[in-house]
Amino acid sequence: MLESLGMESLLRPPTKEVDVDFLVFVERYATDLLKWDILTFFAHNPNFCAPASQIAGRIGRSLHSIQPELGNLALLGILEQTQARNDQTAYQLTQTPHLRRVILKFATQLAADQPII
């Protein structure tokens, strides 16, 4: 009976494998839209290194809102902090290959308007 209604395919589990690393990344690091903006910015500009004020300007957010998030992502190891010429803290994407790959996948999925998970 289910076959004739086409319901059998709905009851079958999906055949697509879940990328567990990607799922963990989204749940742990991409927890709000501001972080999404920061992560996609750095995915599209992986060699960019600048102080928070410059990053805020590039993504169209206020310095006040972005500064704590940059610090948080640095504590989590997604971003690295360095000292800029003018003694300000500068941020850049981590050099860890595994994290860089997942961040790029995250941004690519957003750009392709595909479901994240």
N, C-alpha and C. Protein backbone atom coordinates (compact mmCIF):
# COMPACT_ATOMS: atom_id res chain seq x y z
N MET A 1 0.82 -1.20 0.00
CA MET A 1 0.00 0.00 0.00
C MET A 1 0.86 1.26 0.00
N LEU A 2 1.92 1.29 0.85
CA LEU A 2 2.79 2.46 0.91
C LEU A 2 3.46 2.72 -0.42
N GLU A 3 3.82 1.63 -1.13
CA GLU A 3 4.49 1.79 -2.43
C GLU A 3 3.60 2.52 -3.41
N SER A 4 2.33 2.17 -3.43
CA SER A 4 1.42 2.79 -4.39
C SER A 4 1.20 4.27 -4.08
N LEU A 5 1.35 4.67 -2.83
CA LEU A 5 1.18 6.07 -2.46
C LEU A 5 2.47 6.86 -2.57
N GLY A 6 3.57 6.19 -2.84
CA GLY A 6 4.86 6.87 -2.93
C GLY A 6 5.43 7.21 -1.56
N MET A 7 4.89 6.64 -0.53
CA MET A 7 5.29 6.95 0.84
C MET A 7 6.54 6.19 1.25
N GLU A 8 6.85 5.11 0.56
CA GLU A 8 8.00 4.29 0.94
C GLU A 8 9.28 5.11 0.93
N SER A 9 9.44 5.98 -0.06
CA SER A 9 10.65 6.79 -0.15
C SER A 9 10.75 7.79 1.00
N LEU A 10 9.61 8.23 1.53
CA LEU A 10 9.62 9.16 2.65
C LEU A 10 10.06 8.48 3.95
N LEU A 11 9.77 7.20 4.06
CA LEU A 11 10.11 6.47 5.27
C LEU A 11 11.54 5.95 5.26
N ARG A 12 12.14 5.88 4.09
CA ARG A 12 13.52 5.41 3.97
C ARG A 12 14.48 6.48 4.49
N PRO A 13 15.49 6.10 5.24
CA PRO A 13 16.46 7.10 5.71
C PRO A 13 17.23 7.68 4.53
N PRO A 14 17.64 8.94 4.63
CA PRO A 14 18.39 9.55 3.53
C PRO A 14 19.71 8.82 3.30
N THR A 15 20.12 8.76 2.05
CA THR A 15 21.34 8.03 1.71
C THR A 15 22.58 8.92 1.77
N LYS A 16 22.39 10.21 1.91
CA LYS A 16 23.51 11.15 1.95
C LYS A 16 24.21 11.06 3.32
N GLU A 17 25.52 10.95 3.30
CA GLU A 17 26.29 10.88 4.55
C GLU A 17 26.38 12.24 5.20
N VAL A 18 26.38 12.25 6.51
CA VAL A 18 26.51 13.49 7.27
C VAL A 18 27.98 13.74 7.53
N ASP A 19 28.44 14.94 7.24
CA ASP A 19 29.81 15.35 7.54
C ASP A 19 29.82 15.80 9.00
N VAL A 20 30.24 14.92 9.88
CA VAL A 20 30.18 15.18 11.32
C VAL A 20 31.05 16.37 11.70
N ASP A 21 32.24 16.48 11.12
CA ASP A 21 33.12 17.62 11.42
C ASP A 21 32.44 18.93 11.07
N PHE A 22 31.76 18.95 9.93
CA PHE A 22 31.06 20.15 9.50
C PHE A 22 29.90 20.48 10.44
N LEU A 23 29.14 19.47 10.82
CA LEU A 23 28.02 19.66 11.73
C LEU A 23 28.51 20.20 13.08
N VAL A 24 29.59 19.65 13.60
CA VAL A 24 30.16 20.12 14.87
C VAL A 24 30.63 21.57 14.72
N PHE A 25 31.25 21.89 13.60
CA PHE A 25 31.71 23.25 13.36
C PHE A 25 30.55 24.24 13.42
N VAL A 26 29.48 23.94 12.71
CA VAL A 26 28.33 24.84 12.67
C VAL A 26 27.73 25.00 14.06
N GLU A 27 27.56 23.91 14.78
CA GLU A 27 26.97 23.99 16.11
C GLU A 27 27.86 24.70 17.12
N ARG A 28 29.16 24.59 16.96
CA ARG A 28 30.08 25.17 17.93
C ARG A 28 30.47 26.61 17.60
N TYR A 29 30.68 26.92 16.33
CA TYR A 29 31.27 28.21 15.96
C TYR A 29 30.31 29.17 15.25
N ALA A 30 29.40 28.65 14.46
CA ALA A 30 28.51 29.51 13.67
C ALA A 30 27.16 29.62 14.38
N THR A 31 27.18 30.20 15.56
CA THR A 31 26.01 30.18 16.42
C THR A 31 25.06 31.35 16.22
N ASP A 32 25.47 32.37 15.47
CA ASP A 32 24.57 33.50 15.20
C ASP A 32 24.99 34.17 13.89
N LEU A 33 24.16 35.09 13.43
CA LEU A 33 24.41 35.71 12.12
C LEU A 33 25.68 36.55 12.08
N LEU A 34 26.04 37.18 13.18
CA LEU A 34 27.27 37.96 13.22
C LEU A 34 28.49 37.06 13.02
N LYS A 35 28.49 35.92 13.69
CA LYS A 35 29.59 34.97 13.49
C LYS A 35 29.58 34.44 12.05
N TRP A 36 28.40 34.23 11.48
CA TRP A 36 28.32 33.79 10.09
C TRP A 36 29.00 34.82 9.19
N ASP A 37 28.72 36.10 9.43
CA ASP A 37 29.34 37.16 8.63
C ASP A 37 30.86 37.15 8.77
N ILE A 38 31.33 37.00 9.98
CA ILE A 38 32.78 36.99 10.23
C ILE A 38 33.43 35.78 9.57
N LEU A 39 32.83 34.62 9.76
CA LEU A 39 33.40 33.39 9.19
C LEU A 39 33.41 33.42 7.67
N THR A 40 32.33 33.89 7.06
CA THR A 40 32.31 33.94 5.60
C THR A 40 33.28 34.99 5.08
N PHE A 41 33.43 36.10 5.79
CA PHE A 41 34.39 37.11 5.38
C PHE A 41 35.80 36.52 5.34
N PHE A 42 36.18 35.84 6.41
CA PHE A 42 37.53 35.27 6.45
C PHE A 42 37.68 34.09 5.49
N ALA A 43 36.62 33.37 5.21
CA ALA A 43 36.69 32.29 4.22
C ALA A 43 36.97 32.86 2.83
N HIS A 44 36.36 34.01 2.54
CA HIS A 44 36.57 34.63 1.23
C HIS A 44 37.87 35.44 1.18
N ASN A 45 38.43 35.74 2.33
CA ASN A 45 39.68 36.52 2.42
C ASN A 45 40.63 35.83 3.41
N PRO A 46 41.08 34.62 3.08
CA PRO A 46 41.82 33.81 4.06
C PRO A 46 43.17 34.38 4.48
N ASN A 47 43.72 35.30 3.72
CA ASN A 47 45.02 35.88 4.08
C ASN A 47 44.90 37.29 4.64
N PHE A 48 43.69 37.73 4.87
CA PHE A 48 43.44 39.08 5.39
C PHE A 48 43.80 39.12 6.87
N CYS A 49 44.53 40.16 7.25
CA CYS A 49 44.91 40.36 8.65
C CYS A 49 44.76 41.84 8.96
N ALA A 50 43.89 42.18 9.91
CA ALA A 50 43.62 43.59 10.19
C ALA A 50 43.02 43.73 11.58
N PRO A 51 43.03 44.96 12.11
CA PRO A 51 42.37 45.21 13.40
C PRO A 51 40.84 45.13 13.27
N ALA A 52 40.20 45.01 14.41
CA ALA A 52 38.74 44.85 14.45
C ALA A 52 38.01 45.97 13.72
N SER A 53 38.49 47.19 13.82
CA SER A 53 37.81 48.31 13.18
C SER A 53 37.76 48.14 11.66
N GLN A 54 38.82 47.65 11.09
CA GLN A 54 38.86 47.45 9.64
C GLN A 54 37.95 46.29 9.23
N ILE A 55 37.94 45.23 10.01
CA ILE A 55 37.07 44.09 9.73
C ILE A 55 35.61 44.51 9.83
N ALA A 56 35.28 45.29 10.86
CA ALA A 56 33.92 45.78 11.04
C ALA A 56 33.47 46.57 9.81
N GLY A 57 34.33 47.44 9.32
CA GLY A 57 34.01 48.22 8.14
C GLY A 57 33.80 47.36 6.90
N ARG A 58 34.62 46.33 6.76
CA ARG A 58 34.52 45.47 5.58
C ARG A 58 33.25 44.63 5.57
N ILE A 59 32.74 44.25 6.75
CA ILE A 59 31.52 43.44 6.77
C ILE A 59 30.27 44.26 7.11
N GLY A 60 30.45 45.55 7.28
CA GLY A 60 29.30 46.43 7.51
C GLY A 60 28.68 46.29 8.89
N ARG A 61 29.50 46.05 9.88
CA ARG A 61 29.02 45.93 11.26
C ARG A 61 29.74 46.95 12.13
N SER A 62 29.19 47.22 13.31
CA SER A 62 29.82 48.18 14.21
C SER A 62 30.99 47.53 14.94
N LEU A 63 31.97 48.35 15.27
CA LEU A 63 33.13 47.87 16.02
C LEU A 63 32.67 47.31 17.37
N HIS A 64 31.73 48.00 17.99
CA HIS A 64 31.22 47.58 19.29
C HIS A 64 30.64 46.16 19.25
N SER A 65 29.94 45.82 18.19
CA SER A 65 29.33 44.49 18.12
C SER A 65 30.32 43.41 17.71
N ILE A 66 31.29 43.78 16.90
CA ILE A 66 32.18 42.76 16.34
C ILE A 66 33.36 42.41 17.25
N GLN A 67 33.80 43.34 18.06
CA GLN A 67 35.00 43.10 18.87
C GLN A 67 34.89 41.89 19.80
N PRO A 68 33.81 41.74 20.56
CA PRO A 68 33.72 40.55 21.42
C PRO A 68 33.69 39.24 20.62
N GLU A 69 33.04 39.27 19.46
CA GLU A 69 32.94 38.05 18.65
C GLU A 69 34.30 37.66 18.07
N LEU A 70 35.08 38.64 17.65
CA LEU A 70 36.42 38.35 17.16
C LEU A 70 37.27 37.73 18.27
N GLY A 71 37.18 38.30 19.46
CA GLY A 71 37.91 37.75 20.59
C GLY A 71 37.48 36.34 20.93
N ASN A 72 36.18 36.11 20.86
CA ASN A 72 35.64 34.78 21.13
C ASN A 72 36.14 33.77 20.10
N LEU A 73 36.09 34.13 18.83
CA LEU A 73 36.56 33.22 17.78
C LEU A 73 38.07 32.99 17.88
N ALA A 74 38.80 33.96 18.38
CA ALA A 74 40.24 33.78 18.60
C ALA A 74 40.46 32.80 19.76
N LEU A 75 39.70 32.93 20.82
CA LEU A 75 39.81 31.99 21.94
C LEU A 75 39.48 30.56 21.52
N LEU A 76 38.56 30.43 20.59
CA LEU A 76 38.16 29.11 20.09
C LEU A 76 39.13 28.54 19.06
N GLY A 77 40.10 29.36 18.62
CA GLY A 77 41.10 28.89 17.67
C GLY A 77 40.75 29.07 16.21
N ILE A 78 39.62 29.72 15.92
CA ILE A 78 39.22 29.96 14.53
C ILE A 78 40.02 31.12 13.94
N LEU A 79 40.24 32.13 14.75
CA LEU A 79 41.05 33.27 14.34
C LEU A 79 42.33 33.30 15.17
N GLU A 80 43.35 33.95 14.63
CA GLU A 80 44.60 34.16 15.35
C GLU A 80 44.76 35.65 15.58
N GLN A 81 45.30 36.00 16.74
CA GLN A 81 45.55 37.40 17.06
C GLN A 81 47.03 37.70 16.90
N THR A 82 47.31 38.87 16.30
CA THR A 82 48.68 39.35 16.17
C THR A 82 48.68 40.84 16.51
N GLN A 83 49.84 41.39 16.71
CA GLN A 83 49.94 42.83 16.96
C GLN A 83 50.16 43.56 15.64
N ALA A 84 49.32 44.54 15.37
CA ALA A 84 49.46 45.37 14.17
C ALA A 84 50.51 46.45 14.44
N ARG A 85 50.91 47.17 13.40
CA ARG A 85 51.93 48.22 13.49
C ARG A 85 51.60 49.27 14.54
N ASN A 86 50.35 49.65 14.63
CA ASN A 86 49.94 50.71 15.54
C ASN A 86 49.58 50.18 16.93
N ASP A 87 50.10 49.02 17.27
CA ASP A 87 49.91 48.39 18.58
C ASP A 87 48.48 47.94 18.83
N GLN A 88 47.67 47.82 17.79
CA GLN A 88 46.33 47.28 17.91
C GLN A 88 46.39 45.77 17.68
N THR A 89 45.40 45.07 18.20
CA THR A 89 45.30 43.64 17.94
C THR A 89 44.71 43.44 16.55
N ALA A 90 45.37 42.62 15.77
CA ALA A 90 44.88 42.29 14.43
C ALA A 90 44.43 40.83 14.43
N TYR A 91 43.48 40.54 13.57
CA TYR A 91 42.93 39.19 13.49
C TYR A 91 43.12 38.63 12.09
N GLN A 92 43.38 37.32 12.06
CA GLN A 92 43.47 36.62 10.78
C GLN A 92 42.94 35.20 10.97
N LEU A 93 42.61 34.57 9.87
CA LEU A 93 42.09 33.21 9.91
C LEU A 93 43.17 32.25 10.39
N THR A 94 42.78 31.25 11.14
CA THR A 94 43.72 30.26 11.63
C THR A 94 44.49 29.62 10.47
N GLN A 95 45.67 29.16 10.76
CA GLN A 95 46.48 28.46 9.77
C GLN A 95 46.26 26.94 9.83
N THR A 96 45.44 26.49 10.76
CA THR A 96 45.15 25.06 10.91
C THR A 96 44.38 24.57 9.68
N PRO A 97 44.98 23.66 8.90
CA PRO A 97 44.35 23.23 7.63
C PRO A 97 42.94 22.67 7.80
N HIS A 98 42.72 21.86 8.82
CA HIS A 98 41.40 21.25 9.02
C HIS A 98 40.33 22.33 9.23
N LEU A 99 40.60 23.30 10.09
CA LEU A 99 39.62 24.36 10.36
C LEU A 99 39.42 25.24 9.13
N ARG A 100 40.49 25.55 8.42
CA ARG A 100 40.36 26.36 7.20
C ARG A 100 39.46 25.66 6.18
N ARG A 101 39.62 24.35 6.05
CA ARG A 101 38.81 23.59 5.10
C ARG A 101 37.33 23.65 5.48
N VAL A 102 37.03 23.49 6.76
CA VAL A 102 35.63 23.50 7.20
C VAL A 102 35.03 24.90 7.05
N ILE A 103 35.81 25.93 7.34
CA ILE A 103 35.32 27.31 7.18
C ILE A 103 35.02 27.60 5.71
N LEU A 104 35.89 27.15 4.83
CA LEU A 104 35.66 27.34 3.39
C LEU A 104 34.40 26.60 2.95
N LYS A 105 34.20 25.39 3.45
CA LYS A 105 33.00 24.63 3.10
C LYS A 105 31.75 25.36 3.60
N PHE A 106 31.82 25.90 4.79
CA PHE A 106 30.70 26.65 5.36
C PHE A 106 30.33 27.83 4.45
N ALA A 107 31.32 28.62 4.05
CA ALA A 107 31.07 29.78 3.20
C ALA A 107 30.58 29.36 1.82
N THR A 108 31.10 28.28 1.29
CA THR A 108 30.69 27.79 -0.02
C THR A 108 29.23 27.36 0.00
N GLN A 109 28.83 26.68 1.06
CA GLN A 109 27.44 26.24 1.18
C GLN A 109 26.50 27.44 1.29
N LEU A 110 26.93 28.48 2.04
CA LEU A 110 26.10 29.68 2.14
C LEU A 110 25.97 30.37 0.79
N ALA A 111 27.08 30.49 0.07
CA ALA A 111 27.07 31.17 -1.23
C ALA A 111 26.23 30.40 -2.24
N ALA A 112 26.19 29.09 -2.14
CA ALA A 112 25.42 28.27 -3.08
C ALA A 112 23.96 28.18 -2.66
N ASP A 113 23.63 28.83 -1.53
CA ASP A 113 22.27 28.81 -1.00
C ASP A 113 21.80 27.39 -0.75
N GLN A 114 22.73 26.55 -0.25
CA GLN A 114 22.40 25.17 0.09
C GLN A 114 22.15 25.10 1.59
N PRO A 115 21.39 24.09 2.01
CA PRO A 115 21.18 23.92 3.45
C PRO A 115 22.52 23.68 4.14
N ILE A 116 22.70 24.29 5.29
CA ILE A 116 23.95 24.15 6.03
C ILE A 116 24.07 22.75 6.61
N ILE A 117 23.02 22.25 7.20
CA ILE A 117 23.06 20.90 7.77
C ILE A 117 21.85 20.12 7.35
